Amino acid sequence: MWLAILLALCCLTSDSQGAYSPDFCSKDLNSSVKPGFPKKINTNNPGVLKAARHSVEKFNNCTNDIFLFKESRVSKALVQVVKGLKYMLEVEIGRTTCRKTTHPNLDNCDFQTNPALKRILHCYSEVWVIPWLHSFQVPILHCH
């Protein structure tokens, strides 16, 4: 048994001391594609904008404000491939002139200009999109 352990240790140390060719390691280390790792994505990407809209819709459903909010700017966006797409967004949202009771399309809502009603929030949101199921989930949404 001790001989088997010693043999296993010898094999492990020989592998960690250069048993693989330098080409093998450089291929993995220099690759720009890292499956499963978050990657920066353009904040104007259509998928990012759609994810931001789902975030603000969840915010509107969770708040008691009489006015709707909508996204004004996505300041940072990451995407991760995980059984679909997981967007990690930093979004600025603002109060609009549209009331929740009228159920308007957010695209037709202007931002508040009245200083007493104007409100801007900064949010971090994670949106999980499964395109083939037409599914959008917003498991994380923090606004301040």
C-alpha atoms as a PDB file:
ATOM      1  CA  MET A   1       0.000   0.000   0.000  1.00  0.00           C
ATOM      2  CA  TRP A   2       2.822   2.410   0.860  1.00  0.00           C
ATOM      3  CA  LEU A   3       4.423   1.589  -2.458  1.00  0.00           C
ATOM      4  CA  ALA A   4       1.211   2.539  -4.308  1.00  0.00           C
ATOM      5  CA  ILE A   5       1.020   5.875  -2.475  1.00  0.00           C
ATOM      6  CA  LEU A   6       4.678   6.612  -3.215  1.00  0.00           C
ATOM      7  CA  LEU A   7       4.166   5.742  -6.888  1.00  0.00           C
ATOM      8  CA  ALA A   8       1.108   8.016  -7.089  1.00  0.00           C
ATOM      9  CA  LEU A   9       3.051  10.907  -5.531  1.00  0.00           C
ATOM     10  CA  CYS A  10       5.895  10.401  -7.978  1.00  0.00           C
ATOM     11  CA  CYS A  11       3.460  10.547 -10.898  1.00  0.00           C
ATOM     12  CA  LEU A  12       1.827  13.720  -9.583  1.00  0.00           C
ATOM     13  CA  THR A  13       5.125  15.519  -9.057  1.00  0.00           C
ATOM     14  CA  SER A  14       6.451  14.523 -12.477  1.00  0.00           C
ATOM     15  CA  ASP A  15       3.298  15.951 -14.120  1.00  0.00           C
ATOM     16  CA  SER A  16       3.557  19.217 -12.201  1.00  0.00           C
ATOM     17  CA  GLN A  17       7.224  19.561 -13.138  1.00  0.00           C
ATOM     18  CA  GLY A  18       6.753  19.699 -16.873  1.00  0.00           C
ATOM     19  CA  ALA A  19       5.400  16.390 -18.148  1.00  0.00           C
ATOM     20  CA  TYR A  20       3.180  18.401 -20.514  1.00  0.00           C
ATOM     21  CA  SER A  21       4.743  20.183 -23.444  1.00  0.00           C
ATOM     22  CA  PRO A  22       4.876  24.003 -23.380  1.00  0.00           C
ATOM     23  CA  ASP A  23       2.545  24.061 -26.397  1.00  0.00           C
ATOM     24  CA  PHE A  24      -0.168  22.294 -24.401  1.00  0.00           C
ATOM     25  CA  CYS A  25      -0.156  24.918 -21.635  1.00  0.00           C
ATOM     26  CA  SER A  26       0.140  27.945 -23.898  1.00  0.00           C
ATOM     27  CA  LYS A  27      -2.960  26.914 -25.859  1.00  0.00           C
ATOM     28  CA  ASP A  28      -5.110  26.938 -22.721  1.00  0.00           C
ATOM     29  CA  LEU A  29      -3.585  30.028 -21.135  1.00  0.00           C
ATOM     30  CA  ASN A  30      -3.664  32.219 -24.237  1.00  0.00           C
ATOM     31  CA  SER A  31      -7.170  31.359 -25.365  1.00  0.00           C
ATOM     32  CA  SER A  32      -9.536  34.343 -25.420  1.00  0.00           C
ATOM     33  CA  VAL A  33     -12.560  32.044 -25.033  1.00  0.00           C
ATOM     34  CA  LYS A  34     -13.137  30.876 -21.483  1.00  0.00           C
ATOM     35  CA  PRO A  35     -16.358  28.816 -21.333  1.00  0.00           C
ATOM     36  CA  GLY A  36     -18.422  29.678 -18.280  1.00  0.00           C
ATOM     37  CA  PHE A  37     -16.526  32.895 -17.462  1.00  0.00           C
ATOM     38  CA  PRO A  38     -18.345  36.252 -17.580  1.00  0.00           C
ATOM     39  CA  LYS A  39     -17.294  38.338 -20.569  1.00  0.00           C
ATOM     40  CA  LYS A  40     -17.730  42.070 -21.211  1.00  0.00           C
ATOM     41  CA  ILE A  41     -20.347  42.846 -23.814  1.00  0.00           C
ATOM     42  CA  ASN A  42     -21.337  46.088 -25.543  1.00  0.00           C
ATOM     43  CA  THR A  43     -23.939  47.966 -23.514  1.00  0.00           C
ATOM     44  CA  ASN A  44     -25.895  48.662 -26.720  1.00  0.00           C
ATOM     45  CA  ASN A  45     -26.159  44.964 -27.589  1.00  0.00           C
ATOM     46  CA  PRO A  46     -29.832  44.045 -28.296  1.00  0.00           C
ATOM     47  CA  GLY A  47     -29.675  41.174 -25.773  1.00  0.00           C
ATOM     48  CA  VAL A  48     -28.344  43.537 -23.101  1.00  0.00           C
ATOM     49  CA  LEU A  49     -31.077  46.094 -23.798  1.00  0.00           C
ATOM     50  CA  LYS A  50     -33.770  43.422 -23.646  1.00  0.00           C
ATOM     51  CA  ALA A  51     -32.358  42.102 -20.356  1.00  0.00           C
ATOM     52  CA  ALA A  52     -32.297  45.657 -18.954  1.00  0.00           C
ATOM     53  CA  ARG A  53     -35.959  46.077 -19.911  1.00  0.00           C
ATOM     54  CA  HIS A  54     -36.858  42.872 -18.060  1.00  0.00           C
ATOM     55  CA  SER A  55     -35.003  44.190 -15.011  1.00  0.00           C
ATOM     56  CA  VAL A  56     -36.941  47.434 -14.985  1.00  0.00           C
ATOM     57  CA  GLU A  57     -40.234  45.590 -15.511  1.00  0.00           C
ATOM     58  CA  LYS A  58     -39.477  43.487 -12.432  1.00  0.00           C
ATOM     59  CA  PHE A  59     -38.631  46.683 -10.522  1.00  0.00           C
ATOM     60  CA  ASN A  60     -41.962  48.219 -11.577  1.00  0.00           C
ATOM     61  CA  ASN A  61     -43.828  45.101 -10.413  1.00  0.00           C
ATOM     62  CA  CYS A  62     -42.099  45.166  -7.021  1.00  0.00           C
ATOM     63  CA  THR A  63     -42.479  48.829  -6.130  1.00  0.00           C
ATOM     64  CA  ASN A  64     -45.471  50.804  -4.872  1.00  0.00           C
ATOM     65  CA  ASP A  65     -44.518  53.936  -6.841  1.00  0.00           C
ATOM     66  CA  ILE A  66     -47.487  55.272  -8.837  1.00  0.00           C
ATOM     67  CA  PHE A  67     -45.212  56.044 -11.797  1.00  0.00           C
ATOM     68  CA  LEU A  68     -43.365  53.578 -13.982  1.00  0.00           C
ATOM     69  CA  PHE A  69     -39.594  53.576 -14.224  1.00  0.00           C
ATOM     70  CA  LYS A  70     -37.606  52.750 -17.324  1.00  0.00           C
ATOM     71  CA  GLU A  71     -33.949  52.205 -18.113  1.00  0.00           C
ATOM     72  CA  SER A  72     -32.058  55.322 -19.098  1.00  0.00           C
ATOM     73  CA  ARG A  73     -28.557  53.904 -19.443  1.00  0.00           C
ATOM     74  CA  VAL A  74     -26.691  50.622 -19.143  1.00  0.00           C
ATOM     75  CA  SER A  75     -23.267  51.539 -17.778  1.00  0.00           C
ATOM     76  CA  LYS A  76     -21.743  48.044 -17.637  1.00  0.00           C
ATOM     77  CA  ALA A  77     -22.690  44.668 -19.040  1.00  0.00           C
ATOM     78  CA  LEU A  78     -21.274  41.171 -18.715  1.00  0.00           C
ATOM     79  CA  VAL A  79     -22.616  37.970 -20.198  1.00  0.00           C
ATOM     80  CA  GLN A  80     -21.967  34.395 -19.115  1.00  0.00           C
ATOM     81  CA  VAL A  81     -22.960  31.220 -20.946  1.00  0.00           C
ATOM     82  CA  VAL A  82     -24.785  29.034 -18.408  1.00  0.00           C
ATOM     83  CA  LYS A  83     -27.585  26.821 -19.783  1.00  0.00           C
ATOM     84  CA  GLY A  84     -28.663  29.946 -21.590  1.00  0.00           C
ATOM     85  CA  LEU A  85     -27.277  33.437 -21.069  1.00  0.00           C
ATOM     86  CA  LYS A  86     -26.785  35.205 -17.769  1.00  0.00           C
ATOM     87  CA  TYR A  87     -26.504  38.977 -18.093  1.00  0.00           C
ATOM     88  CA  MET A  88     -24.951  40.969 -15.254  1.00  0.00           C
ATOM     89  CA  LEU A  89     -25.896  44.614 -15.660  1.00  0.00           C
ATOM     90  CA  GLU A  90     -25.355  47.973 -14.051  1.00  0.00           C
ATOM     91  CA  VAL A  91     -28.374  50.002 -15.104  1.00  0.00           C
ATOM     92  CA  GLU A  92     -29.552  53.517 -14.394  1.00  0.00           C
ATOM     93  CA  ILE A  93     -33.339  53.782 -14.244  1.00  0.00           C
ATOM     94  CA  GLY A  94     -35.520  56.859 -14.014  1.00  0.00           C
ATOM     95  CA  ARG A  95     -39.084  57.666 -13.059  1.00  0.00           C
ATOM     96  CA  THR A  96     -41.313  58.386 -16.055  1.00  0.00           C
ATOM     97  CA  THR A  97     -44.447  60.460 -16.520  1.00  0.00           C
ATOM     98  CA  CYS A  98     -46.503  57.298 -17.154  1.00  0.00           C
ATOM     99  CA  ARG A  99     -48.683  56.010 -14.342  1.00  0.00           C
ATOM    100  CA  LYS A 100     -48.841  52.314 -13.574  1.00  0.00           C
ATOM    101  CA  THR A 101     -52.633  52.303 -13.796  1.00  0.00           C
ATOM    102  CA  THR A 102     -52.622  53.150 -17.523  1.00  0.00           C
ATOM    103  CA  HIS A 103     -50.322  50.204 -18.490  1.00  0.00           C
ATOM    104  CA  PRO A 104     -48.518  52.070 -21.287  1.00  0.00           C
ATOM    105  CA  ASN A 105     -45.639  50.814 -23.403  1.00  0.00           C
ATOM    106  CA  LEU A 106     -42.424  52.007 -21.690  1.00  0.00           C
ATOM    107  CA  ASP A 107     -41.009  53.095 -25.059  1.00  0.00           C
ATOM    108  CA  ASN A 108     -43.715  55.796 -25.168  1.00  0.00           C
ATOM    109  CA  CYS A 109     -42.997  57.087 -21.641  1.00  0.00           C
ATOM    110  CA  ASP A 110     -40.907  60.222 -21.131  1.00  0.00           C
ATOM    111  CA  PHE A 111     -38.734  60.750 -18.076  1.00  0.00           C
ATOM    112  CA  GLN A 112     -39.967  63.094 -15.356  1.00  0.00           C
ATOM    113  CA  THR A 113     -38.690  66.648 -15.715  1.00  0.00           C
ATOM    114  CA  ASN A 114     -40.461  68.030 -12.629  1.00  0.00           C
ATOM    115  CA  PRO A 115     -37.707  68.274  -9.956  1.00  0.00           C
ATOM    116  CA  ALA A 116     -40.155  67.184  -7.233  1.00  0.00           C
ATOM    117  CA  LEU A 117     -41.024  63.968  -9.094  1.00  0.00           C
ATOM    118  CA  LYS A 118     -37.743  63.222 -10.838  1.00  0.00           C
ATOM    119  CA  ARG A 119     -35.935  60.184  -9.426  1.00  0.00           C
ATOM    120  CA  ILE A 120     -32.941  58.238 -10.724  1.00  0.00           C
ATOM    121  CA  LEU A 121     -31.791  54.920  -9.287  1.00  0.00           C
ATOM    122  CA  HIS A 122     -28.658  52.876  -9.903  1.00  0.00           C
ATOM    123  CA  CYS A 123     -29.301  49.149 -10.121  1.00  0.00           C
ATOM    124  CA  TYR A 124     -27.335  45.935 -10.331  1.00  0.00           C
ATOM    125  CA  SER A 125     -29.284  43.187 -12.023  1.00  0.00           C
ATOM    126  CA  GLU A 126     -28.738  39.616 -13.117  1.00  0.00           C
ATOM    127  CA  VAL A 127     -30.995  38.345 -15.854  1.00  0.00           C
ATOM    128  CA  TRP A 128     -31.040  34.724 -16.924  1.00  0.00           C
ATOM    129  CA  VAL A 129     -32.249  34.231 -20.489  1.00  0.00           C
ATOM    130  CA  ILE A 130     -33.075  30.843 -22.006  1.00  0.00           C
ATOM    131  CA  PRO A 131     -33.779  31.806 -25.636  1.00  0.00           C
ATOM    132  CA  TRP A 132     -35.098  28.440 -26.801  1.00  0.00           C
ATOM    133  CA  LEU A 133     -37.739  28.524 -24.023  1.00  0.00           C
ATOM    134  CA  HIS A 134     -38.443  32.279 -24.439  1.00  0.00           C
ATOM    135  CA  SER A 135     -37.730  32.527 -20.717  1.00  0.00           C
ATOM    136  CA  PHE A 136     -36.468  35.567 -18.795  1.00  0.00           C
ATOM    137  CA  GLN A 137     -35.792  35.447 -15.061  1.00  0.00           C
ATOM    138  CA  VAL A 138     -34.446  38.249 -12.864  1.00  0.00           C
ATOM    139  CA  PRO A 139     -33.141  36.483  -9.740  1.00  0.00           C
ATOM    140  CA  ILE A 140     -31.100  39.499  -8.534  1.00  0.00           C
ATOM    141  CA  LEU A 141     -32.099  43.155  -8.604  1.00  0.00           C
ATOM    142  CA  HIS A 142     -30.635  45.724  -6.205  1.00  0.00           C
ATOM    143  CA  CYS A 143     -31.395  49.411  -6.652  1.00  0.00           C
ATOM    144  CA  HIS A 144     -30.340  52.435  -4.644  1.00  0.00           C
END
